[in-house]
N, C-alpha and C. Protein backbone atom coordinates (compact mmCIF):
# COMPACT_ATOMS: atom_id res chain seq x y z
N MET A 1 -52.34 17.57 -6.05
CA MET A 1 -51.10 16.64 -5.96
C MET A 1 -50.63 16.71 -4.47
N GLN A 2 -50.19 15.58 -4.11
CA GLN A 2 -49.68 15.26 -2.78
C GLN A 2 -48.09 15.58 -2.81
N ARG A 3 -47.67 15.86 -1.55
CA ARG A 3 -46.22 15.93 -1.48
C ARG A 3 -45.77 14.83 -0.74
N PHE A 4 -44.38 14.46 -0.81
CA PHE A 4 -43.73 13.36 -0.20
C PHE A 4 -44.07 13.42 1.36
N GLY A 5 -44.51 12.35 1.82
CA GLY A 5 -44.69 12.37 3.31
C GLY A 5 -46.12 12.55 3.58
N GLU A 6 -46.95 13.06 2.65
CA GLU A 6 -48.36 13.25 2.82
C GLU A 6 -49.12 12.06 2.24
N GLY A 7 -50.35 11.89 2.73
CA GLY A 7 -51.03 10.76 2.31
C GLY A 7 -50.94 9.69 3.22
N ALA A 8 -52.06 8.91 3.36
CA ALA A 8 -52.11 7.71 4.26
C ALA A 8 -51.37 6.51 3.81
N GLY A 9 -50.30 6.39 4.33
CA GLY A 9 -49.44 4.98 4.18
C GLY A 9 -48.91 4.92 2.85
N ALA A 10 -48.90 5.93 1.93
CA ALA A 10 -47.98 5.81 0.81
C ALA A 10 -46.79 6.17 0.88
N SER A 11 -45.89 5.35 0.15
CA SER A 11 -44.48 5.57 0.29
C SER A 11 -44.15 6.81 -0.59
N PRO A 12 -43.03 7.36 -0.22
CA PRO A 12 -42.60 8.69 -1.21
C PRO A 12 -42.34 8.17 -2.71
N ARG A 13 -41.84 6.76 -2.86
CA ARG A 13 -41.80 6.59 -4.26
C ARG A 13 -43.11 6.26 -4.84
N GLN A 14 -44.08 5.71 -4.15
CA GLN A 14 -45.48 5.63 -4.73
C GLN A 14 -46.02 6.86 -5.04
N ASN A 15 -45.63 7.92 -4.20
CA ASN A 15 -46.42 9.18 -4.52
C ASN A 15 -45.65 9.88 -5.74
N ALA A 16 -44.43 9.59 -5.82
CA ALA A 16 -43.59 10.26 -7.12
C ALA A 16 -44.08 9.58 -8.30
N LEU A 17 -44.49 8.24 -8.33
CA LEU A 17 -44.87 7.59 -9.49
C LEU A 17 -46.30 7.91 -9.74
N ASP A 18 -47.04 8.37 -8.87
CA ASP A 18 -48.36 8.69 -9.15
C ASP A 18 -48.45 10.03 -9.80
N ASP A 19 -47.38 10.80 -9.68
CA ASP A 19 -47.38 12.13 -10.33
C ASP A 19 -47.55 12.12 -11.77
N ASP A 20 -48.24 13.00 -12.41
CA ASP A 20 -48.49 12.87 -13.89
C ASP A 20 -47.29 13.39 -14.72
N SER A 21 -46.15 13.55 -14.29
CA SER A 21 -44.96 13.85 -15.09
C SER A 21 -44.57 12.65 -15.90
N GLU A 22 -44.00 13.20 -17.23
CA GLU A 22 -43.62 12.44 -18.13
C GLU A 22 -42.25 11.69 -17.88
N VAL A 23 -42.12 10.46 -18.22
CA VAL A 23 -40.84 9.80 -17.98
C VAL A 23 -40.04 9.49 -19.24
N SER A 24 -38.79 9.94 -19.37
CA SER A 24 -38.06 9.62 -20.59
C SER A 24 -36.84 8.99 -20.30
N PRO A 25 -36.22 8.22 -21.23
CA PRO A 25 -35.04 7.44 -21.04
C PRO A 25 -33.70 8.46 -20.95
N LEU A 26 -32.80 8.15 -20.02
CA LEU A 26 -31.73 9.05 -19.89
C LEU A 26 -30.96 9.01 -21.24
N GLN A 27 -30.23 10.03 -21.66
CA GLN A 27 -29.58 10.16 -22.73
C GLN A 27 -28.13 10.88 -22.32
N PHE A 28 -26.95 10.20 -22.74
CA PHE A 28 -25.60 10.75 -22.44
C PHE A 28 -25.01 11.26 -23.63
N GLN A 29 -24.29 12.21 -23.57
CA GLN A 29 -23.63 12.92 -24.77
C GLN A 29 -22.36 11.88 -24.94
N GLN A 30 -22.01 11.64 -26.20
CA GLN A 30 -20.97 10.79 -26.61
C GLN A 30 -19.85 11.41 -26.32
N LEU A 31 -18.77 10.63 -25.64
CA LEU A 31 -17.36 11.10 -25.36
C LEU A 31 -16.57 11.25 -26.57
N GLU A 32 -15.85 12.18 -26.83
CA GLU A 32 -14.99 12.36 -27.89
C GLU A 32 -13.72 11.61 -27.64
N VAL A 33 -13.12 11.11 -28.75
CA VAL A 33 -12.04 10.42 -28.78
C VAL A 33 -10.71 11.36 -28.98
N LYS A 34 -9.77 11.47 -28.04
CA LYS A 34 -8.75 12.40 -28.37
C LYS A 34 -7.60 12.04 -29.21
N GLN A 35 -7.19 12.71 -30.12
CA GLN A 35 -6.16 12.33 -30.80
C GLN A 35 -4.82 12.17 -30.01
N ALA A 36 -3.82 11.33 -30.52
CA ALA A 36 -2.62 11.04 -29.83
C ALA A 36 -1.95 12.39 -29.42
N GLU A 37 -2.07 13.46 -30.26
CA GLU A 37 -1.28 14.75 -29.89
C GLU A 37 -1.86 15.35 -28.66
N GLU A 38 -3.24 15.33 -28.59
CA GLU A 38 -3.94 15.90 -27.60
C GLU A 38 -3.71 15.15 -26.18
N ARG A 39 -3.56 13.76 -26.37
CA ARG A 39 -3.30 13.14 -25.18
C ARG A 39 -1.97 13.32 -24.56
N GLU A 40 -0.96 13.65 -25.62
CA GLU A 40 0.34 13.86 -24.96
C GLU A 40 0.34 15.29 -24.29
N LYS A 41 -0.52 16.16 -24.71
CA LYS A 41 -0.57 17.47 -23.98
C LYS A 41 -1.10 17.23 -22.48
N ASP A 42 -2.13 16.37 -22.31
CA ASP A 42 -2.54 15.99 -21.08
C ASP A 42 -1.52 15.46 -20.18
N VAL A 43 -0.63 14.69 -20.72
CA VAL A 43 0.57 14.00 -19.98
C VAL A 43 1.61 14.99 -19.58
N ASP A 44 1.60 16.06 -20.39
CA ASP A 44 2.72 17.08 -20.08
C ASP A 44 2.62 17.67 -18.83
N GLN A 45 1.48 17.76 -18.11
CA GLN A 45 1.33 18.31 -16.89
C GLN A 45 1.93 17.59 -15.83
N TYR A 46 2.28 16.32 -16.02
CA TYR A 46 2.91 15.56 -15.00
C TYR A 46 4.48 15.56 -15.25
N ASP A 47 5.03 16.30 -16.11
CA ASP A 47 6.47 16.24 -16.32
C ASP A 47 7.35 16.54 -15.13
N ASN A 48 6.94 17.27 -14.06
CA ASN A 48 7.57 17.55 -12.92
C ASN A 48 7.36 16.77 -11.75
N VAL A 49 6.41 15.70 -11.95
CA VAL A 49 6.18 14.84 -10.90
C VAL A 49 7.41 13.85 -10.56
N SER A 50 7.86 13.70 -9.22
CA SER A 50 9.00 12.86 -8.91
C SER A 50 8.52 11.31 -8.56
N LEU A 51 9.22 10.56 -9.04
CA LEU A 51 9.03 9.07 -8.89
C LEU A 51 10.34 8.47 -8.41
N THR A 52 10.18 7.49 -7.68
CA THR A 52 11.26 6.77 -7.14
C THR A 52 11.50 5.51 -7.85
N VAL A 53 12.72 5.50 -8.68
CA VAL A 53 12.86 4.46 -9.55
C VAL A 53 14.08 3.62 -8.92
N SER A 54 14.04 2.30 -8.75
CA SER A 54 14.89 1.55 -8.10
C SER A 54 15.15 0.12 -8.89
N ILE A 55 16.39 -0.29 -8.93
CA ILE A 55 16.67 -1.55 -9.52
C ILE A 55 16.99 -2.51 -8.54
N GLU A 56 16.29 -3.64 -8.56
CA GLU A 56 16.56 -4.78 -7.52
C GLU A 56 17.40 -5.80 -8.18
N LEU A 57 18.53 -5.91 -7.69
CA LEU A 57 19.60 -6.94 -8.25
C LEU A 57 19.25 -8.19 -7.49
N GLY A 58 18.70 -8.19 -6.40
CA GLY A 58 18.46 -9.50 -5.69
C GLY A 58 18.09 -9.22 -4.22
N ARG A 59 17.58 -10.42 -3.55
CA ARG A 59 17.29 -10.12 -2.12
C ARG A 59 17.83 -11.29 -1.40
N VAL A 60 18.21 -10.99 -0.14
CA VAL A 60 18.64 -11.90 0.78
C VAL A 60 18.18 -11.45 2.14
N GLU A 61 17.92 -12.52 3.09
CA GLU A 61 17.69 -12.36 4.37
C GLU A 61 19.00 -12.37 5.25
N LYS A 62 19.25 -11.55 6.07
CA LYS A 62 20.39 -11.66 7.08
C LYS A 62 19.85 -11.30 8.38
N THR A 63 20.65 -11.82 9.32
CA THR A 63 20.27 -11.33 10.77
C THR A 63 21.07 -10.06 10.97
N VAL A 64 20.56 -9.50 12.10
CA VAL A 64 21.45 -8.12 12.57
C VAL A 64 22.92 -8.53 12.59
N GLN A 65 23.15 -9.58 13.35
CA GLN A 65 24.57 -10.06 13.55
C GLN A 65 25.42 -10.22 12.32
N GLU A 66 24.89 -10.87 11.32
CA GLU A 66 25.40 -11.07 10.07
C GLU A 66 25.65 -9.62 9.27
N VAL A 67 24.78 -8.70 9.44
CA VAL A 67 24.96 -7.43 8.73
C VAL A 67 26.03 -6.54 9.43
N LEU A 68 26.00 -6.78 10.85
CA LEU A 68 27.03 -6.06 11.63
C LEU A 68 28.50 -6.71 11.29
N GLU A 69 28.70 -7.86 10.88
CA GLU A 69 29.93 -8.46 10.47
C GLU A 69 30.37 -8.13 9.09
N LEU A 70 29.62 -7.46 8.40
CA LEU A 70 30.00 -7.19 6.83
C LEU A 70 31.10 -6.03 6.89
N ARG A 71 32.03 -6.19 6.07
CA ARG A 71 33.07 -5.30 5.97
C ARG A 71 33.33 -4.73 4.60
N GLU A 72 34.16 -3.90 4.25
CA GLU A 72 34.37 -3.41 2.88
C GLU A 72 35.03 -4.54 2.14
N GLY A 73 34.34 -4.98 0.89
CA GLY A 73 34.96 -6.00 0.24
C GLY A 73 34.11 -7.34 0.23
N ALA A 74 33.16 -7.33 1.43
CA ALA A 74 32.56 -8.46 1.62
C ALA A 74 31.43 -8.84 0.45
N LEU A 75 31.23 -10.13 0.33
CA LEU A 75 30.20 -10.46 -0.69
C LEU A 75 28.98 -10.79 -0.16
N ILE A 76 27.82 -10.36 -0.64
CA ILE A 76 26.56 -10.80 -0.21
C ILE A 76 25.90 -11.65 -1.50
N GLU A 77 25.75 -12.92 -1.25
CA GLU A 77 25.05 -13.73 -2.40
C GLU A 77 23.64 -13.53 -2.34
N THR A 78 22.97 -13.52 -3.38
CA THR A 78 21.65 -13.40 -3.51
C THR A 78 21.08 -14.68 -4.22
N GLU A 79 19.78 -14.86 -4.35
CA GLU A 79 19.17 -15.92 -5.02
C GLU A 79 19.38 -15.72 -6.38
N LYS A 80 19.64 -14.62 -6.99
CA LYS A 80 19.60 -14.47 -8.42
C LYS A 80 21.03 -14.79 -8.99
N LEU A 81 20.95 -15.44 -10.16
CA LEU A 81 22.18 -15.76 -10.81
C LEU A 81 22.75 -14.73 -11.93
N SER A 82 23.99 -14.79 -12.09
CA SER A 82 24.45 -13.77 -13.04
C SER A 82 23.68 -13.95 -14.61
N GLY A 83 23.37 -12.70 -15.09
CA GLY A 83 22.73 -12.82 -16.37
C GLY A 83 21.17 -12.92 -16.10
N MET A 84 20.62 -13.14 -14.99
CA MET A 84 19.16 -12.99 -14.79
C MET A 84 18.46 -11.56 -14.92
N PRO A 85 17.41 -11.57 -15.44
CA PRO A 85 16.77 -10.13 -15.51
C PRO A 85 16.62 -9.42 -14.15
N MET A 86 16.89 -8.18 -13.98
CA MET A 86 16.84 -7.52 -12.73
C MET A 86 15.53 -6.66 -12.73
N GLU A 87 14.77 -6.58 -11.63
CA GLU A 87 13.49 -5.81 -11.59
C GLU A 87 13.69 -4.42 -11.49
N VAL A 88 12.89 -3.59 -12.21
CA VAL A 88 12.72 -2.23 -12.15
C VAL A 88 11.48 -1.83 -11.52
N MET A 89 11.76 -1.17 -10.36
CA MET A 89 10.47 -0.80 -9.57
C MET A 89 10.32 0.76 -9.58
N VAL A 90 9.03 1.14 -9.64
CA VAL A 90 8.67 2.53 -9.61
C VAL A 90 7.79 2.78 -8.55
N ASN A 91 8.23 3.65 -7.56
CA ASN A 91 7.28 3.85 -6.48
C ASN A 91 7.05 2.39 -5.70
N GLY A 92 7.96 1.54 -5.79
CA GLY A 92 7.69 0.24 -4.93
C GLY A 92 6.96 -0.74 -5.68
N GLN A 93 6.46 -0.42 -6.90
CA GLN A 93 5.70 -1.27 -7.74
C GLN A 93 6.60 -1.85 -8.84
N LEU A 94 6.45 -3.12 -9.37
CA LEU A 94 7.20 -3.67 -10.46
C LEU A 94 6.77 -2.98 -11.74
N PHE A 95 7.69 -2.41 -12.39
CA PHE A 95 7.42 -1.69 -13.75
C PHE A 95 7.91 -2.38 -14.88
N GLY A 96 8.99 -3.07 -14.68
CA GLY A 96 9.65 -3.89 -15.83
C GLY A 96 10.82 -4.80 -15.34
N ARG A 97 11.52 -5.36 -16.31
CA ARG A 97 12.72 -6.01 -15.92
C ARG A 97 13.76 -5.61 -17.14
N GLY A 98 15.01 -5.80 -16.65
CA GLY A 98 16.06 -5.46 -17.63
C GLY A 98 17.32 -6.13 -17.28
N GLU A 99 18.26 -5.94 -18.15
CA GLU A 99 19.54 -6.46 -18.03
C GLU A 99 20.71 -5.35 -17.75
N VAL A 100 21.78 -5.85 -16.91
CA VAL A 100 22.81 -4.87 -16.50
C VAL A 100 23.72 -4.66 -17.70
N VAL A 101 23.99 -3.33 -17.97
CA VAL A 101 24.91 -3.17 -19.01
C VAL A 101 25.99 -2.11 -18.52
N VAL A 102 27.16 -2.02 -19.27
CA VAL A 102 28.17 -1.12 -18.80
C VAL A 102 28.17 -0.01 -19.86
N VAL A 103 28.05 1.21 -19.27
CA VAL A 103 28.04 2.51 -20.12
C VAL A 103 29.20 3.28 -19.62
N GLY A 104 30.35 3.31 -20.31
CA GLY A 104 31.46 4.07 -19.82
C GLY A 104 32.08 3.30 -18.55
N ASP A 105 32.08 4.18 -17.57
CA ASP A 105 32.58 3.72 -16.25
C ASP A 105 31.40 3.44 -15.24
N SER A 106 30.19 3.46 -15.88
CA SER A 106 28.87 3.24 -15.02
C SER A 106 28.02 2.03 -15.51
N LEU A 107 27.34 1.65 -14.55
CA LEU A 107 26.39 0.51 -14.75
C LEU A 107 25.02 1.09 -15.07
N ALA A 108 24.36 0.40 -15.89
CA ALA A 108 23.06 0.83 -16.33
C ALA A 108 22.13 -0.36 -16.49
N ILE A 109 20.79 -0.13 -16.60
CA ILE A 109 19.83 -1.16 -16.75
C ILE A 109 19.27 -0.97 -18.24
N ARG A 110 19.34 -1.91 -19.09
CA ARG A 110 18.61 -1.87 -20.39
C ARG A 110 17.27 -2.69 -20.16
N ILE A 111 16.05 -1.85 -20.37
CA ILE A 111 14.77 -2.38 -20.18
C ILE A 111 14.47 -3.44 -21.32
N THR A 112 14.31 -4.67 -20.91
CA THR A 112 13.90 -5.78 -21.87
C THR A 112 12.44 -6.13 -21.89
N GLU A 113 11.74 -5.78 -20.71
CA GLU A 113 10.40 -6.17 -20.75
C GLU A 113 9.55 -5.15 -19.66
N LEU A 114 8.47 -4.70 -20.24
CA LEU A 114 7.61 -3.86 -19.40
C LEU A 114 6.47 -4.75 -18.93
N VAL A 115 6.02 -4.47 -17.59
CA VAL A 115 5.04 -5.29 -16.97
C VAL A 115 3.79 -4.50 -17.26
N LYS A 116 2.62 -5.43 -17.56
CA LYS A 116 1.32 -4.83 -17.80
C LYS A 116 0.67 -4.61 -16.48
N MET A 117 -0.15 -3.53 -16.51
CA MET A 117 -0.67 -3.00 -15.18
C MET A 117 -1.46 -4.18 -14.48
N GLU A 118 -2.25 -5.01 -15.14
CA GLU A 118 -3.03 -5.92 -14.42
C GLU A 118 -2.08 -7.14 -13.79
N ASP A 119 -0.74 -7.01 -14.30
CA ASP A 119 0.06 -8.11 -13.95
C ASP A 119 1.05 -7.53 -12.70
N ASN A 120 0.75 -6.28 -12.51
CA ASN A 120 1.66 -5.53 -11.60
C ASN A 120 1.45 -5.78 -10.26
N ARG A 121 1.91 -6.69 -9.59
CA ARG A 121 1.74 -7.01 -8.07
C ARG A 121 3.17 -6.82 -7.50
N PRO A 122 3.09 -6.49 -6.09
CA PRO A 122 4.18 -6.45 -5.24
C PRO A 122 5.01 -7.65 -5.39
N THR A 123 6.36 -7.45 -5.55
CA THR A 123 7.25 -8.65 -5.68
C THR A 123 7.90 -9.22 -4.40
N ASP A 124 7.54 -8.69 -3.35
CA ASP A 124 8.01 -8.93 -1.95
C ASP A 124 7.48 -10.43 -1.67
N LYS A 125 8.46 -11.29 -1.69
CA LYS A 125 8.06 -12.74 -1.40
C LYS A 125 8.48 -13.28 -0.04
N ARG A 126 8.54 -12.27 0.92
CA ARG A 126 8.86 -12.71 2.23
C ARG A 126 7.69 -13.36 2.93
């Protein structure tokens, strides 16, 4: 039997195919389907991972001069209208949309729509 690189002009692939070894099809082990309970255990390891969650009420472009002129009580108008859904961003990516609600003395967002991962594109329209 010849080794790779030996032989006159034969490529290593041809030498390997000339070998009398038996060729058999590849067989893969079947993956197990995990039960929901087992999957939840897998997610538990991420309980302490920090994410940045932000709510975008609207966007507006201002010049440096316009920003410097802002004072307490000034209004900044955005393109969004009252009652329009607000974007919920997780680590800068669109996660869902929601509506502003009042809870006691605080404002909160009630999630009304979750965005599918394939639809998740940056919403920066600049």
